[in-house]
N, C-alpha and C. Protein backbone atom coordinates (compact mmCIF):
# COMPACT_ATOMS: atom_id res chain seq x y z
N MET A 1 125.58 74.07 105.92
CA MET A 1 124.91 73.84 104.67
C MET A 1 125.06 75.05 103.75
N ARG A 2 125.08 76.24 104.31
CA ARG A 2 125.20 77.44 103.48
C ARG A 2 126.51 77.49 102.73
N ASP A 3 127.56 76.98 103.35
CA ASP A 3 128.86 77.02 102.68
C ASP A 3 128.94 76.02 101.52
N PHE A 4 127.94 75.16 101.41
CA PHE A 4 127.94 74.18 100.31
C PHE A 4 127.37 74.76 99.02
N GLU A 5 126.58 75.82 99.12
CA GLU A 5 125.94 76.40 97.94
C GLU A 5 126.93 76.80 96.85
N PRO A 6 128.06 77.46 97.18
CA PRO A 6 129.03 77.78 96.12
C PRO A 6 129.61 76.54 95.44
N LYS A 7 129.73 75.46 96.19
CA LYS A 7 130.25 74.21 95.61
C LYS A 7 129.27 73.65 94.59
N VAL A 8 127.98 73.69 94.92
CA VAL A 8 126.95 73.21 93.99
C VAL A 8 126.91 74.10 92.75
N ALA A 9 126.97 75.41 92.96
CA ALA A 9 126.97 76.35 91.83
C ALA A 9 128.16 76.09 90.93
N SER A 10 129.31 75.82 91.52
CA SER A 10 130.51 75.53 90.74
C SER A 10 130.33 74.27 89.89
N LYS A 11 129.71 73.25 90.47
CA LYS A 11 129.46 72.01 89.73
C LYS A 11 128.50 72.26 88.56
N ILE A 12 127.47 73.08 88.80
CA ILE A 12 126.51 73.39 87.73
C ILE A 12 127.20 74.14 86.60
N TYR A 13 128.03 75.12 86.94
CA TYR A 13 128.76 75.86 85.91
C TYR A 13 129.73 74.95 85.15
N THR A 14 130.33 74.00 85.86
CA THR A 14 131.23 73.05 85.20
C THR A 14 130.46 72.20 84.19
N VAL A 15 129.27 71.74 84.57
CA VAL A 15 128.44 70.95 83.65
C VAL A 15 128.06 71.78 82.43
N LEU A 16 127.67 73.03 82.65
CA LEU A 16 127.30 73.90 81.53
C LEU A 16 128.49 74.14 80.61
N ASP A 17 129.68 74.30 81.19
CA ASP A 17 130.90 74.45 80.37
C ASP A 17 131.18 73.19 79.57
N GLN A 18 130.99 72.03 80.19
CA GLN A 18 131.20 70.76 79.49
C GLN A 18 130.22 70.63 78.32
N TRP A 19 128.96 71.00 78.56
CA TRP A 19 127.96 70.93 77.48
C TRP A 19 128.33 71.86 76.34
N ALA A 20 128.79 73.06 76.68
CA ALA A 20 129.18 74.02 75.63
C ALA A 20 130.35 73.48 74.82
N LYS A 21 131.29 72.84 75.50
CA LYS A 21 132.45 72.27 74.81
C LYS A 21 132.02 71.14 73.88
N ILE A 22 131.13 70.27 74.36
CA ILE A 22 130.64 69.17 73.53
C ILE A 22 129.86 69.70 72.34
N ALA A 23 128.99 70.68 72.58
CA ALA A 23 128.16 71.24 71.51
C ALA A 23 128.99 71.95 70.45
N SER A 24 130.12 72.54 70.85
CA SER A 24 130.94 73.26 69.87
C SER A 24 131.87 72.35 69.08
N THR A 25 132.11 71.14 69.58
CA THR A 25 133.04 70.24 68.90
C THR A 25 132.36 69.04 68.25
N SER A 26 131.05 68.92 68.41
CA SER A 26 130.36 67.74 67.88
C SER A 26 129.02 68.15 67.27
N ASP A 27 128.59 67.39 66.27
CA ASP A 27 127.30 67.64 65.65
C ASP A 27 126.17 66.86 66.33
N SER A 28 126.53 65.91 67.20
CA SER A 28 125.50 65.11 67.85
C SER A 28 124.96 65.82 69.09
N ALA A 29 123.84 65.34 69.57
CA ALA A 29 123.20 65.93 70.74
C ALA A 29 123.97 65.59 72.01
N VAL A 30 123.83 66.42 73.01
CA VAL A 30 124.46 66.18 74.31
C VAL A 30 123.56 65.23 75.09
N ASP A 31 124.14 64.20 75.69
CA ASP A 31 123.39 63.24 76.49
C ASP A 31 123.13 63.85 77.87
N ILE A 32 122.02 64.55 78.00
CA ILE A 32 121.68 65.26 79.23
C ILE A 32 121.53 64.29 80.40
N PHE A 33 120.93 63.12 80.16
CA PHE A 33 120.72 62.14 81.23
C PHE A 33 122.04 61.79 81.90
N ARG A 34 123.05 61.50 81.13
CA ARG A 34 124.36 61.11 81.66
C ARG A 34 124.96 62.22 82.51
N TRP A 35 124.89 63.45 82.00
CA TRP A 35 125.51 64.57 82.71
C TRP A 35 124.75 64.95 83.97
N THR A 36 123.42 64.91 83.94
CA THR A 36 122.67 65.23 85.16
C THR A 36 122.84 64.14 86.20
N HIS A 37 123.01 62.91 85.75
CA HIS A 37 123.31 61.82 86.68
C HIS A 37 124.65 62.07 87.37
N MET A 38 125.66 62.46 86.59
CA MET A 38 126.97 62.74 87.18
C MET A 38 126.91 63.96 88.11
N LEU A 39 126.13 64.98 87.73
CA LEU A 39 125.98 66.16 88.59
C LEU A 39 125.34 65.78 89.92
N GLY A 40 124.29 65.00 89.86
CA GLY A 40 123.63 64.54 91.09
C GLY A 40 124.55 63.70 91.95
N PHE A 41 125.28 62.79 91.31
CA PHE A 41 126.21 61.95 92.06
C PHE A 41 127.29 62.79 92.71
N ASP A 42 127.90 63.70 91.96
CA ASP A 42 128.95 64.57 92.51
C ASP A 42 128.43 65.37 93.69
N THR A 43 127.24 65.93 93.55
CA THR A 43 126.69 66.78 94.60
C THR A 43 126.40 65.99 95.87
N VAL A 44 125.70 64.88 95.74
CA VAL A 44 125.34 64.08 96.91
C VAL A 44 126.59 63.48 97.56
N TYR A 45 127.50 62.95 96.76
CA TYR A 45 128.72 62.35 97.30
C TYR A 45 129.55 63.40 98.04
N HIS A 46 129.68 64.57 97.44
CA HIS A 46 130.44 65.65 98.07
C HIS A 46 129.78 66.10 99.37
N LEU A 47 128.46 66.19 99.38
CA LEU A 47 127.73 66.59 100.58
C LEU A 47 127.87 65.55 101.69
N MET A 48 127.79 64.28 101.33
CA MET A 48 127.84 63.22 102.34
C MET A 48 129.24 62.98 102.89
N PHE A 49 130.25 62.98 102.02
CA PHE A 49 131.59 62.56 102.44
C PHE A 49 132.62 63.69 102.43
N ASP A 50 132.21 64.89 102.03
CA ASP A 50 133.10 66.05 101.93
C ASP A 50 134.32 65.77 101.05
N VAL A 51 134.08 64.97 100.02
CA VAL A 51 135.11 64.66 99.02
C VAL A 51 134.48 64.86 97.65
N ASP A 52 135.14 65.60 96.79
CA ASP A 52 134.62 65.83 95.44
C ASP A 52 135.10 64.71 94.52
N PRO A 53 134.20 63.84 94.04
CA PRO A 53 134.64 62.77 93.15
C PRO A 53 135.08 63.27 91.78
N GLY A 54 134.65 64.47 91.38
CA GLY A 54 135.15 65.09 90.15
C GLY A 54 134.63 64.51 88.85
N THR A 55 133.48 63.85 88.88
CA THR A 55 132.99 63.26 87.64
C THR A 55 132.56 64.31 86.63
N VAL A 56 132.02 65.45 87.09
CA VAL A 56 131.62 66.49 86.13
C VAL A 56 132.83 67.19 85.53
N LYS A 57 133.94 67.22 86.25
CA LYS A 57 135.16 67.83 85.70
C LYS A 57 135.79 66.95 84.63
N THR A 58 135.81 65.65 84.90
CA THR A 58 136.47 64.72 83.98
C THR A 58 135.53 64.21 82.89
N GLY A 59 134.23 64.18 83.17
CA GLY A 59 133.28 63.62 82.22
C GLY A 59 133.27 62.10 82.23
N VAL A 60 133.90 61.52 83.24
CA VAL A 60 133.98 60.06 83.36
C VAL A 60 133.26 59.65 84.64
N GLU A 61 132.38 58.67 84.53
CA GLU A 61 131.64 58.22 85.70
C GLU A 61 132.59 57.59 86.71
N SER A 62 132.30 57.80 87.98
CA SER A 62 133.14 57.32 89.07
C SER A 62 132.94 55.83 89.31
N GLU A 63 134.00 55.19 89.77
CA GLU A 63 133.87 53.77 90.11
C GLU A 63 133.03 53.59 91.36
N LYS A 64 132.75 54.66 92.06
CA LYS A 64 131.94 54.60 93.27
C LYS A 64 130.45 54.54 92.96
N GLU A 65 130.08 54.77 91.72
CA GLU A 65 128.66 54.77 91.35
C GLU A 65 128.12 53.35 91.30
N PHE A 66 126.94 53.19 91.84
CA PHE A 66 126.32 51.88 91.90
C PHE A 66 125.25 51.69 90.83
N VAL A 67 124.63 52.78 90.39
CA VAL A 67 123.53 52.69 89.43
C VAL A 67 123.95 52.06 88.11
N PRO A 68 125.09 52.47 87.50
CA PRO A 68 125.46 51.81 86.24
C PRO A 68 125.65 50.31 86.39
N LEU A 69 126.17 49.88 87.53
CA LEU A 69 126.33 48.46 87.78
C LEU A 69 124.97 47.77 87.86
N LEU A 70 124.03 48.42 88.54
CA LEU A 70 122.68 47.86 88.61
C LEU A 70 122.02 47.79 87.24
N GLU A 71 122.25 48.81 86.41
CA GLU A 71 121.64 48.81 85.08
C GLU A 71 122.16 47.64 84.25
N ASN A 72 123.42 47.29 84.42
CA ASN A 72 123.99 46.19 83.64
C ASN A 72 123.51 44.83 84.13
N TRP A 73 123.39 44.65 85.45
CA TRP A 73 123.07 43.34 86.00
C TRP A 73 121.62 43.21 86.46
N GLY A 74 120.91 44.33 86.60
CA GLY A 74 119.53 44.29 87.07
C GLY A 74 118.58 43.56 86.14
N ILE A 75 118.92 43.51 84.85
CA ILE A 75 118.03 42.84 83.89
C ILE A 75 117.96 41.33 84.14
N TYR A 76 118.92 40.79 84.89
CA TYR A 76 118.94 39.35 85.17
C TYR A 76 118.23 39.00 86.48
N VAL A 77 117.78 40.01 87.21
CA VAL A 77 117.07 39.76 88.47
C VAL A 77 115.63 39.35 88.13
N PRO A 78 115.14 38.26 88.71
CA PRO A 78 113.77 37.84 88.41
C PRO A 78 112.75 38.74 89.10
N GLY A 79 111.52 38.68 88.63
CA GLY A 79 110.42 39.36 89.29
C GLY A 79 110.27 40.82 88.93
N TYR A 80 109.58 41.54 89.82
CA TYR A 80 109.21 42.93 89.58
C TYR A 80 110.43 43.83 89.41
N ILE A 81 111.43 43.67 90.25
CA ILE A 81 112.63 44.52 90.18
C ILE A 81 113.34 44.30 88.85
N GLY A 82 113.53 43.06 88.47
CA GLY A 82 114.17 42.77 87.19
C GLY A 82 113.36 43.29 86.02
N SER A 83 112.03 43.23 86.15
CA SER A 83 111.16 43.75 85.10
C SER A 83 111.38 45.24 84.90
N TYR A 84 111.54 45.97 86.00
CA TYR A 84 111.82 47.41 85.91
C TYR A 84 113.11 47.65 85.13
N PHE A 85 114.17 46.93 85.46
CA PHE A 85 115.45 47.11 84.78
C PHE A 85 115.36 46.71 83.30
N ARG A 86 114.58 45.67 83.00
CA ARG A 86 114.42 45.27 81.60
C ARG A 86 113.69 46.35 80.80
N LYS A 87 112.68 46.99 81.41
CA LYS A 87 111.96 48.08 80.73
C LYS A 87 112.88 49.28 80.49
N VAL A 88 113.67 49.63 81.49
CA VAL A 88 114.60 50.76 81.33
C VAL A 88 115.64 50.42 80.26
N HIS A 89 116.12 49.19 80.27
CA HIS A 89 117.12 48.76 79.28
C HIS A 89 116.53 48.85 77.86
N ALA A 90 115.30 48.40 77.68
CA ALA A 90 114.65 48.46 76.36
C ALA A 90 114.43 49.91 75.94
N TRP A 91 114.03 50.76 76.88
CA TRP A 91 113.81 52.18 76.57
C TRP A 91 115.11 52.84 76.13
N LYS A 92 116.20 52.58 76.87
CA LYS A 92 117.48 53.19 76.51
C LYS A 92 117.99 52.68 75.17
N LYS A 93 117.72 51.42 74.87
CA LYS A 93 118.16 50.85 73.60
C LYS A 93 117.41 51.49 72.43
N ALA A 94 116.14 51.82 72.64
CA ALA A 94 115.33 52.40 71.57
C ALA A 94 115.46 53.92 71.49
N TRP A 95 116.00 54.55 72.52
CA TRP A 95 116.06 56.02 72.58
C TRP A 95 117.06 56.55 71.57
N ASN A 96 116.67 57.62 70.89
CA ASN A 96 117.53 58.25 69.89
C ASN A 96 117.83 59.68 70.34
N PRO A 97 119.08 59.98 70.76
CA PRO A 97 119.39 61.33 71.25
C PRO A 97 119.34 62.39 70.16
N ASN A 98 119.37 61.98 68.91
CA ASN A 98 119.34 62.94 67.81
C ASN A 98 117.92 63.24 67.32
N LEU A 99 116.94 62.59 67.92
CA LEU A 99 115.54 62.81 67.55
C LEU A 99 115.10 64.20 68.01
N ARG A 100 114.55 64.96 67.10
CA ARG A 100 114.08 66.31 67.43
C ARG A 100 112.56 66.27 67.56
N LEU A 101 112.08 66.46 68.77
CA LEU A 101 110.65 66.34 69.02
C LEU A 101 109.88 67.62 68.71
N LEU A 102 110.54 68.76 68.71
CA LEU A 102 109.84 70.03 68.55
C LEU A 102 109.92 70.60 67.15
N ASP A 103 110.46 69.88 66.20
CA ASP A 103 110.55 70.40 64.82
C ASP A 103 109.24 70.26 64.09
């Protein structure tokens, strides 16, 4: 487990570099949710299977991810589970990444 710490640190630095690149080339806000999701996926997948999926390097979500698929189809599931996905879907639709809460 100790030998995995440098790999996690490398992934974190890669995400920070990606954010800096996005911030320097765009006027819009960085979608932190998307990037932290990819960081978590990369870390857990790498820890479990000893294979780096490289989503934080490429900035493209992996085909191995299941959550985006659930987000798209979960809204059609009846009952409590589907209700959760419908609430998340409505929240994401209404969310504005350019909204400044601390101004």
